[in-house]
Amino acid sequence: MSLNVSLPPELESRVRAHVASGMFGSASEVIREALRLFESYQSVQGAALATLKADIEQGQADKRAGRVAPLNIDAIKAEGRKQRSARAAA
């Protein structure tokens, strides 16, 4: 299959630079690799989004089941200070 693509000057310059570097034999190879990387990136993004959605659902399920408590920053700070003092004393 043959396909002609118009690129803005900046992208054309970048494609030519990649070919000139010797990493790629032609502009077509540069574009093919860019598309492979783009598809890989989209796959990773999709997996990350699915994980995030599952984490949110787990949090909502924990809240519905009563497995969460209000965040008490003062208690967290006090515990941290207690542990720091214990380490300093040791």
PDB file of N, CA and C in Angstrom:
ATOM      1  N   MET A   1       0.844  -1.172   0.000  1.00  0.00           N
ATOM      2  CA  MET A   1       0.000   0.000   0.000  1.00  0.00           C
ATOM      3  C   MET A   1       0.892   1.239   0.000  1.00  0.00           C
ATOM      4  N   SER A   2       0.543   2.194  -0.787  1.00  0.00           N
ATOM      5  CA  SER A   2       1.285   3.442  -0.842  1.00  0.00           C
ATOM      6  C   SER A   2       0.382   4.555  -0.342  1.00  0.00           C
ATOM      7  N   LEU A   3       0.973   5.436   0.465  1.00  0.00           N
ATOM      8  CA  LEU A   3       0.196   6.519   1.056  1.00  0.00           C
ATOM      9  C   LEU A   3       1.085   7.744   1.129  1.00  0.00           C
ATOM     10  N   ASN A   4       0.605   8.846   0.598  1.00  0.00           N
ATOM     11  CA  ASN A   4       1.351  10.099   0.692  1.00  0.00           C
ATOM     12  C   ASN A   4       0.774  10.904   1.845  1.00  0.00           C
ATOM     13  N   VAL A   5       1.665  11.428   2.670  1.00  0.00           N
ATOM     14  CA  VAL A   5       1.252  12.180   3.841  1.00  0.00           C
ATOM     15  C   VAL A   5       1.944  13.536   3.833  1.00  0.00           C
ATOM     16  N   SER A   6       1.191  14.575   4.137  1.00  0.00           N
ATOM     17  CA  SER A   6       1.778  15.911   4.252  1.00  0.00           C
ATOM     18  C   SER A   6       2.068  16.190   5.719  1.00  0.00           C
ATOM     19  N   LEU A   7       3.288  16.650   5.989  1.00  0.00           N
ATOM     20  CA  LEU A   7       3.677  16.979   7.348  1.00  0.00           C
ATOM     21  C   LEU A   7       4.029  18.456   7.427  1.00  0.00           C
ATOM     22  N   PRO A   8       3.786  19.069   8.581  1.00  0.00           N
ATOM     23  CA  PRO A   8       4.266  20.443   8.743  1.00  0.00           C
ATOM     24  C   PRO A   8       5.794  20.447   8.716  1.00  0.00           C
ATOM     25  N   PRO A   9       6.389  21.578   8.395  1.00  0.00           N
ATOM     26  CA  PRO A   9       7.856  21.639   8.252  1.00  0.00           C
ATOM     27  C   PRO A   9       8.625  21.089   9.452  1.00  0.00           C
ATOM     28  N   GLU A  10       8.167  21.364  10.667  1.00  0.00           N
ATOM     29  CA  GLU A  10       8.875  20.884  11.865  1.00  0.00           C
ATOM     30  C   GLU A  10       8.920  19.356  11.907  1.00  0.00           C
ATOM     31  N   LEU A  11       7.787  18.708  11.631  1.00  0.00           N
ATOM     32  CA  LEU A  11       7.767  17.241  11.650  1.00  0.00           C
ATOM     33  C   LEU A  11       8.577  16.659  10.497  1.00  0.00           C
ATOM     34  N   GLU A  12       8.486  17.294   9.339  1.00  0.00           N
ATOM     35  CA  GLU A  12       9.276  16.832   8.195  1.00  0.00           C
ATOM     36  C   GLU A  12      10.765  16.902   8.538  1.00  0.00           C
ATOM     37  N   SER A  13      11.165  17.973   9.185  1.00  0.00           N
ATOM     38  CA  SER A  13      12.562  18.133   9.581  1.00  0.00           C
ATOM     39  C   SER A  13      12.980  17.038  10.561  1.00  0.00           C
ATOM     40  N   ARG A  14      12.114  16.709  11.480  1.00  0.00           N
ATOM     41  CA  ARG A  14      12.431  15.665  12.464  1.00  0.00           C
ATOM     42  C   ARG A  14      12.542  14.295  11.793  1.00  0.00           C
ATOM     43  N   VAL A  15      11.646  14.011  10.849  1.00  0.00           N
ATOM     44  CA  VAL A  15      11.718  12.737  10.123  1.00  0.00           C
ATOM     45  C   VAL A  15      13.032  12.669   9.358  1.00  0.00           C
ATOM     46  N   ARG A  16      13.370  13.747   8.643  1.00  0.00           N
ATOM     47  CA  ARG A  16      14.625  13.762   7.878  1.00  0.00           C
ATOM     48  C   ARG A  16      15.847  13.602   8.801  1.00  0.00           C
ATOM     49  N   ALA A  17      15.787  14.206   9.975  1.00  0.00           N
ATOM     50  CA  ALA A  17      16.905  14.091  10.921  1.00  0.00           C
ATOM     51  C   ALA A  17      17.077  12.647  11.386  1.00  0.00           C
ATOM     52  N   HIS A  18      15.976  11.954  11.618  1.00  0.00           N
ATOM     53  CA  HIS A  18      16.063  10.549  12.026  1.00  0.00           C
ATOM     54  C   HIS A  18      16.670   9.692  10.915  1.00  0.00           C
ATOM     55  N   VAL A  19      16.279   9.946   9.694  1.00  0.00           N
ATOM     56  CA  VAL A  19      16.856   9.197   8.569  1.00  0.00           C
ATOM     57  C   VAL A  19      18.344   9.530   8.445  1.00  0.00           C
ATOM     58  N   ALA A  20      18.687  10.816   8.546  1.00  0.00           N
ATOM     59  CA  ALA A  20      20.089  11.239   8.419  1.00  0.00           C
ATOM     60  C   ALA A  20      20.964  10.674   9.532  1.00  0.00           C
ATOM     61  N   SER A  21      20.361  10.393  10.693  1.00  0.00           N
ATOM     62  CA  SER A  21      21.141   9.844  11.805  1.00  0.00           C
ATOM     63  C   SER A  21      21.602   8.420  11.531  1.00  0.00           C
ATOM     64  N   GLY A  22      20.977   7.779  10.569  1.00  0.00           N
ATOM     65  CA  GLY A  22      21.328   6.393  10.251  1.00  0.00           C
ATOM     66  C   GLY A  22      20.514   5.367  11.016  1.00  0.00           C
ATOM     67  N   MET A  23      19.664   5.825  11.930  1.00  0.00           N
ATOM     68  CA  MET A  23      18.831   4.892  12.685  1.00  0.00           C
ATOM     69  C   MET A  23      17.742   4.260  11.811  1.00  0.00           C
ATOM     70  N   PHE A  24      17.346   4.983  10.778  1.00  0.00           N
ATOM     71  CA  PHE A  24      16.279   4.518   9.894  1.00  0.00           C
ATOM     72  C   PHE A  24      16.747   4.654   8.455  1.00  0.00           C
ATOM     73  N   GLY A  25      16.290   3.728   7.629  1.00  0.00           N
ATOM     74  CA  GLY A  25      16.687   3.738   6.224  1.00  0.00           C
ATOM     75  C   GLY A  25      15.846   4.642   5.356  1.00  0.00           C
ATOM     76  N   SER A  26      14.657   5.000   5.839  1.00  0.00           N
ATOM     77  CA  SER A  26      13.773   5.839   5.028  1.00  0.00           C
ATOM     78  C   SER A  26      12.766   6.546   5.926  1.00  0.00           C
ATOM     79  N   ALA A  27      12.101   7.531   5.344  1.00  0.00           N
ATOM     80  CA  ALA A  27      11.049   8.240   6.065  1.00  0.00           C
ATOM     81  C   ALA A  27       9.917   7.277   6.427  1.00  0.00           C
ATOM     82  N   SER A  28       9.653   6.317   5.572  1.00  0.00           N
ATOM     83  CA  SER A  28       8.594   5.341   5.851  1.00  0.00           C
ATOM     84  C   SER A  28       8.891   4.547   7.115  1.00  0.00           C
ATOM     85  N   GLU A  29      10.153   4.184   7.311  1.00  0.00           N
ATOM     86  CA  GLU A  29      10.529   3.451   8.529  1.00  0.00           C
ATOM     87  C   GLU A  29      10.305   4.306   9.776  1.00  0.00           C
ATOM     88  N   VAL A  30      10.614   5.591   9.680  1.00  0.00           N
ATOM     89  CA  VAL A  30      10.412   6.494  10.818  1.00  0.00           C
ATOM     90  C   VAL A  30       8.927   6.553  11.163  1.00  0.00           C
ATOM     91  N   ILE A  31       8.088   6.720  10.159  1.00  0.00           N
ATOM     92  CA  ILE A  31       6.643   6.823  10.383  1.00  0.00           C
ATOM     93  C   ILE A  31       6.093   5.508  10.927  1.00  0.00           C
ATOM     94  N   ARG A  32       6.551   4.373  10.398  1.00  0.00           N
ATOM     95  CA  ARG A  32       6.090   3.074  10.913  1.00  0.00           C
ATOM     96  C   ARG A  32       6.439   2.912  12.388  1.00  0.00           C
ATOM     97  N   GLU A  33       7.676   3.273  12.748  1.00  0.00           N
ATOM     98  CA  GLU A  33       8.092   3.152  14.152  1.00  0.00           C
ATOM     99  C   GLU A  33       7.291   4.102  15.040  1.00  0.00           C
ATOM    100  N   ALA A  34       7.047   5.310  14.559  1.00  0.00           N
ATOM    101  CA  ALA A  34       6.249   6.270  15.327  1.00  0.00           C
ATOM    102  C   ALA A  34       4.843   5.724  15.566  1.00  0.00           C
ATOM    103  N   LEU A  35       4.248   5.103  14.568  1.00  0.00           N
ATOM    104  CA  LEU A  35       2.905   4.530  14.729  1.00  0.00           C
ATOM    105  C   LEU A  35       2.921   3.360  15.703  1.00  0.00           C
ATOM    106  N   ARG A  36       3.961   2.528  15.636  1.00  0.00           N
ATOM    107  CA  ARG A  36       4.067   1.415  16.592  1.00  0.00           C
ATOM    108  C   ARG A  36       4.165   1.948  18.026  1.00  0.00           C
ATOM    109  N   LEU A  37       4.997   2.968  18.221  1.00  0.00           N
ATOM    110  CA  LEU A  37       5.145   3.556  19.551  1.00  0.00           C
ATOM    111  C   LEU A  37       3.845   4.194  20.028  1.00  0.00           C
ATOM    112  N   PHE A  38       3.144   4.858  19.118  1.00  0.00           N
ATOM    113  CA  PHE A  38       1.875   5.488  19.466  1.00  0.00           C
ATOM    114  C   PHE A  38       0.856   4.433  19.901  1.00  0.00           C
ATOM    115  N   GLU A  39       0.779   3.335  19.174  1.00  0.00           N
ATOM    116  CA  GLU A  39      -0.156   2.266  19.529  1.00  0.00           C
ATOM    117  C   GLU A  39       0.219   1.631  20.863  1.00  0.00           C
ATOM    118  N   SER A  40       1.502   1.468  21.107  1.00  0.00           N
ATOM    119  CA  SER A  40       1.960   0.920  22.378  1.00  0.00           C
ATOM    120  C   SER A  40       1.593   1.862  23.518  1.00  0.00           C
ATOM    121  N   TYR A  41       1.793   3.154  23.304  1.00  0.00           N
ATOM    122  CA  TYR A  41       1.455   4.165  24.307  1.00  0.00           C
ATOM    123  C   TYR A  41      -0.041   4.126  24.612  1.00  0.00           C
ATOM    124  N   GLN A  42      -0.866   4.016  23.578  1.00  0.00           N
ATOM    125  CA  GLN A  42      -2.312   3.960  23.788  1.00  0.00           C
ATOM    126  C   GLN A  42      -2.695   2.723  24.587  1.00  0.00           C
ATOM    127  N   SER A  43      -2.024   1.610  24.341  1.00  0.00           N
ATOM    128  CA  SER A  43      -2.299   0.382  25.070  1.00  0.00           C
ATOM    129  C   SER A  43      -1.970   0.544  26.549  1.00  0.00           C
ATOM    130  N   VAL A  44      -0.824   1.165  26.838  1.00  0.00           N
ATOM    131  CA  VAL A  44      -0.421   1.401  28.220  1.00  0.00           C
ATOM    132  C   VAL A  44      -1.403   2.354  28.889  1.00  0.00           C
ATOM    133  N   GLN A  45      -1.807   3.401  28.187  1.00  0.00           N
ATOM    134  CA  GLN A  45      -2.773   4.353  28.727  1.00  0.00           C
ATOM    135  C   GLN A  45      -4.090   3.654  29.050  1.00  0.00           C
ATOM    136  N   GLY A  46      -4.530   2.771  28.158  1.00  0.00           N
ATOM    137  CA  GLY A  46      -5.774   2.036  28.388  1.00  0.00           C
ATOM    138  C   GLY A  46      -5.685   1.147  29.613  1.00  0.00           C
ATOM    139  N   ALA A  47      -4.550   0.487  29.788  1.00  0.00           N
ATOM    140  CA  ALA A  47      -4.361  -0.381  30.948  1.00  0.00           C
ATOM    141  C   ALA A  47      -4.329   0.445  32.233  1.00  0.00           C
ATOM    142  N   ALA A  48      -3.667   1.595  32.191  1.00  0.00           N
ATOM    143  CA  ALA A  48      -3.600   2.454  33.374  1.00  0.00           C
ATOM    144  C   ALA A  48      -4.986   2.968  33.741  1.00  0.00           C
ATOM    145  N   LEU A  49      -5.777   3.327  32.747  1.00  0.00           N
ATOM    146  CA  LEU A  49      -7.132   3.809  33.001  1.00  0.00           C
ATOM    147  C   LEU A  49      -7.994   2.698  33.596  1.00  0.00           C
ATOM    148  N   ALA A  50      -7.856   1.488  33.089  1.00  0.00           N
ATOM    149  CA  ALA A  50      -8.621   0.360  33.626  1.00  0.00           C
ATOM    150  C   ALA A  50      -8.243   0.095  35.083  1.00  0.00           C
ATOM    151  N   THR A  51      -6.953   0.190  35.399  1.00  0.00           N
ATOM    152  CA  THR A  51      -6.496   0.000  36.781  1.00  0.00           C
ATOM    153  C   THR A  51      -7.054   1.090  37.686  1.00  0.00           C
ATOM    154  N   LEU A  52      -7.021   2.326  37.212  1.00  0.00           N
ATOM    155  CA  LEU A  52      -7.554   3.441  37.991  1.00  0.00           C
ATOM    156  C   LEU A  52      -9.045   3.257  38.253  1.00  0.00           C
ATOM    157  N   LYS A  53      -9.787   2.859  37.239  1.00  0.00           N
ATOM    158  CA  LYS A  53     -11.230   2.627  37.414  1.00  0.00           C
ATOM    159  C   LYS A  53     -11.488   1.520  38.430  1.00  0.00           C
ATOM    160  N   ALA A  54     -10.685   0.455  38.394  1.00  0.00           N
ATOM    161  CA  ALA A  54     -10.843  -0.644  39.351  1.00  0.00           C
ATOM    162  C   ALA A  54     -10.526  -0.169  40.767  1.00  0.00           C
ATOM    163  N   ASP A  55      -9.495   0.664  40.915  1.00  0.00           N
ATOM    164  CA  ASP A  55      -9.145   1.198  42.232  1.00  0.00           C
ATOM    165  C   ASP A  55     -10.266   2.087  42.776  1.00  0.00           C
ATOM    166  N   ILE A  56     -10.850   2.902  41.919  1.00  0.00           N
ATOM    167  CA  ILE A  56     -11.957   3.766  42.340  1.00  0.00           C
ATOM    168  C   ILE A  56     -13.145   2.918  42.773  1.00  0.00           C
ATOM    169  N   GLU A  57     -13.456   1.901  41.995  1.00  0.00           N
ATOM    170  CA  GLU A  57     -14.578   1.022  42.344  1.00  0.00           C
ATOM    171  C   GLU A  57     -14.315   0.314  43.675  1.00  0.00           C
ATOM    172  N   GLN A  58     -13.077  -0.121  43.909  1.00  0.00           N
ATOM    173  CA  GLN A  58     -12.734  -0.764  45.174  1.00  0.00           C
ATOM    174  C   GLN A  58     -12.925   0.208  46.332  1.00  0.00           C
ATOM    175  N   GLY A  59     -12.510   1.450  46.149  1.00  0.00           N
ATOM    176  CA  GLY A  59     -12.690   2.457  47.187  1.00  0.00           C
ATOM    177  C   GLY A  59     -14.159   2.720  47.477  1.00  0.00           C
ATOM    178  N   GLN A  60     -14.952   2.773  46.422  1.00  0.00           N
ATOM    179  CA  GLN A  60     -16.391   2.986  46.614  1.00  0.00           C
ATOM    180  C   GLN A  60     -17.026   1.785  47.315  1.00  0.00           C
ATOM    181  N   ALA A  61     -16.580   0.590  46.964  1.00  0.00           N
ATOM    182  CA  ALA A  61     -17.103  -0.612  47.624  1.00  0.00           C
ATOM    183  C   ALA A  61     -16.709  -0.626  49.100  1.00  0.00           C
ATOM    184  N   ASP A  62     -15.462  -0.228  49.400  1.00  0.00           N
ATOM    185  CA  ASP A  62     -15.021  -0.154  50.796  1.00  0.00           C
ATOM    186  C   ASP A  62     -15.870   0.849  51.573  1.00  0.00           C
ATOM    187  N   LYS A  63     -16.178   1.978  50.953  1.00  0.00           N
ATOM    188  CA  LYS A  63     -17.000   2.988  51.635  1.00  0.00           C
ATOM    189  C   LYS A  63     -18.408   2.449  51.888  1.00  0.00           C
ATOM    190  N   ARG A  64     -18.999   1.814  50.876  1.00  0.00           N
ATOM    191  CA  ARG A  64     -20.349   1.250  51.042  1.00  0.00           C
ATOM    192  C   ARG A  64     -20.378   0.189  52.136  1.00  0.00           C
ATOM    193  N   ALA A  65     -19.268  -0.561  52.277  1.00  0.00           N
ATOM    194  CA  ALA A  65     -19.200  -1.636  53.276  1.00  0.00           C
ATOM    195  C   ALA A  65     -18.761  -1.120  54.647  1.00  0.00           C
ATOM    196  N   GLY A  66     -18.513   0.174  54.772  1.00  0.00           N
ATOM    197  CA  GLY A  66     -18.126   0.731  56.061  1.00  0.00           C
ATOM    198  C   GLY A  66     -16.687   0.457  56.451  1.00  0.00           C
ATOM    199  N   ARG A  67     -15.822   0.178  55.486  1.00  0.00           N
ATOM    200  CA  ARG A  67     -14.418  -0.143  55.784  1.00  0.00           C
ATOM    201  C   ARG A  67     -13.509   1.082  55.724  1.00  0.00           C
ATOM    202  N   VAL A  68     -14.081   2.270  55.799  1.00  0.00           N
ATOM    203  CA  VAL A  68     -13.268   3.489  55.773  1.00  0.00           C
ATOM    204  C   VAL A  68     -13.580   4.329  57.002  1.00  0.00           C
ATOM    205  N   ALA A  69     -12.628   5.142  57.384  1.00  0.00           N
ATOM    206  CA  ALA A  69     -12.813   6.034  58.528  1.00  0.00           C
ATOM    207  C   ALA A  69     -12.338   7.426  58.120  1.00  0.00           C
ATOM    208  N   PRO A  70     -12.828   8.446  58.786  1.00  0.00           N
ATOM    209  CA  PRO A  70     -12.353   9.803  58.474  1.00  0.00           C
ATOM    210  C   PRO A  70     -10.846   9.906  58.699  1.00  0.00           C
ATOM    211  N   LEU A  71     -10.187  10.703  57.895  1.00  0.00           N
ATOM    212  CA  LEU A  71      -8.747  10.914  58.011  1.00  0.00           C
ATOM    213  C   LEU A  71      -8.476  11.862  59.164  1.00  0.00           C
ATOM    214  N   ASN A  72      -7.623  11.421  60.103  1.00  0.00           N
ATOM    215  CA  ASN A  72      -7.289  12.236  61.261  1.00  0.00           C
ATOM    216  C   ASN A  72      -5.818  12.638  61.157  1.00  0.00           C
ATOM    217  N   ILE A  73      -5.580  13.792  60.570  1.00  0.00           N
ATOM    218  CA  ILE A  73      -4.207  14.258  60.343  1.00  0.00           C
ATOM    219  C   ILE A  73      -3.457  14.438  61.658  1.00  0.00           C
ATOM    220  N   ASP A  74      -4.119  14.945  62.673  1.00  0.00           N
ATOM    221  CA  ASP A  74      -3.447  15.153  63.961  1.00  0.00           C
ATOM    222  C   ASP A  74      -2.945  13.835  64.548  1.00  0.00           C
ATOM    223  N   ALA A  75      -3.741  12.776  64.431  1.00  0.00           N
ATOM    224  CA  ALA A  75      -3.325  11.465  64.939  1.00  0.00           C
ATOM    225  C   ALA A  75      -2.150  10.918  64.139  1.00  0.00           C
ATOM    226  N   ILE A  76      -2.163  11.152  62.824  1.00  0.00           N
ATOM    227  CA  ILE A  76      -1.055  10.687  61.974  1.00  0.00           C
ATOM    228  C   ILE A  76       0.228  11.419  62.353  1.00  0.00           C
ATOM    229  N   LYS A  77       0.141  12.743  62.539  1.00  0.00           N
ATOM    230  CA  LYS A  77       1.318  13.515  62.935  1.00  0.00           C
ATOM    231  C   LYS A  77       1.843  13.055  64.297  1.00  0.00           C
ATOM    232  N   ALA A  78       0.938  12.850  65.238  1.00  0.00           N
ATOM    233  CA  ALA A  78       1.349  12.420  66.585  1.00  0.00           C
ATOM    234  C   ALA A  78       2.068  11.083  66.524  1.00  0.00           C
ATOM    235  N   GLU A  79       1.547  10.148  65.717  1.00  0.00           N
ATOM    236  CA  GLU A  79       2.189   8.838  65.594  1.00  0.00           C
ATOM    237  C   GLU A  79       3.566   8.981  64.959  1.00  0.00           C
ATOM    238  N   GLY A  80       3.684   9.827  63.947  1.00  0.00           N
ATOM    239  CA  GLY A  80       4.979  10.049  63.308  1.00  0.00           C
ATOM    240  C   GLY A  80       5.988  10.639  64.268  1.00  0.00           C
ATOM    241  N   ARG A  81       5.562  11.615  65.047  1.00  0.00           N
ATOM    242  CA  ARG A  81       6.455  12.231  66.028  1.00  0.00           C
ATOM    243  C   ARG A  81       6.880  11.226  67.095  1.00  0.00           C
ATOM    244  N   LYS A  82       5.946  10.370  67.501  1.00  0.00           N
ATOM    245  CA  LYS A  82       6.249   9.337  68.490  1.00  0.00           C
ATOM    246  C   LYS A  82       7.310   8.379  67.950  1.00  0.00           C
ATOM    247  N   GLN A  83       7.146   7.956  66.706  1.00  0.00           N
ATOM    248  CA  GLN A  83       8.125   7.036  66.096  1.00  0.00           C
ATOM    249  C   GLN A  83       9.489   7.719  65.919  1.00  0.00           C
ATOM    250  N   ARG A  84       9.488   8.980  65.537  1.00  0.00           N
ATOM    251  CA  ARG A  84      10.745   9.710  65.373  1.00  0.00           C
ATOM    252  C   ARG A  84      11.474   9.830  66.711  1.00  0.00           C
ATOM    253  N   SER A  85      10.730  10.138  67.761  1.00  0.00           N
ATOM    254  CA  SER A  85      11.330  10.239  69.100  1.00  0.00           C
ATOM    255  C   SER A  85      11.901   8.900  69.552  1.00  0.00           C
ATOM    256  N   ALA A  86      11.194   7.824  69.247  1.00  0.00           N
ATOM    257  CA  ALA A  86      11.659   6.496  69.642  1.00  0.00           C
ATOM    258  C   ALA A  86      12.952   6.148  68.911  1.00  0.00           C
ATOM    259  N   ARG A  87      13.054   6.508  67.647  1.00  0.00           N
ATOM    260  CA  ARG A  87      14.286   6.235  66.880  1.00  0.00           C
ATOM    261  C   ARG A  87      15.443   7.081  67.406  1.00  0.00           C
ATOM    262  N   ALA A  88      15.146   8.325  67.745  1.00  0.00           N
ATOM    263  CA  ALA A  88      16.200   9.212  68.237  1.00  0.00           C
ATOM    264  C   ALA A  88      16.723   8.750  69.591  1.00  0.00           C
ATOM    265  N   ALA A  89      15.841   8.153  70.399  1.00  0.00           N
ATOM    266  CA  ALA A  89      16.221   7.682  71.725  1.00  0.00           C
ATOM    267  C   ALA A  89      17.017   6.375  71.651  1.00  0.00           C
ATOM    268  N   ALA A  90      16.877   5.648  70.597  1.00  0.00           N
ATOM    269  CA  ALA A  90      17.530   4.336  70.481  1.00  0.00           C
ATOM    270  C   ALA A  90      18.994   4.407  70.131  1.00  0.00           C
TER     271      ALA A  90
END
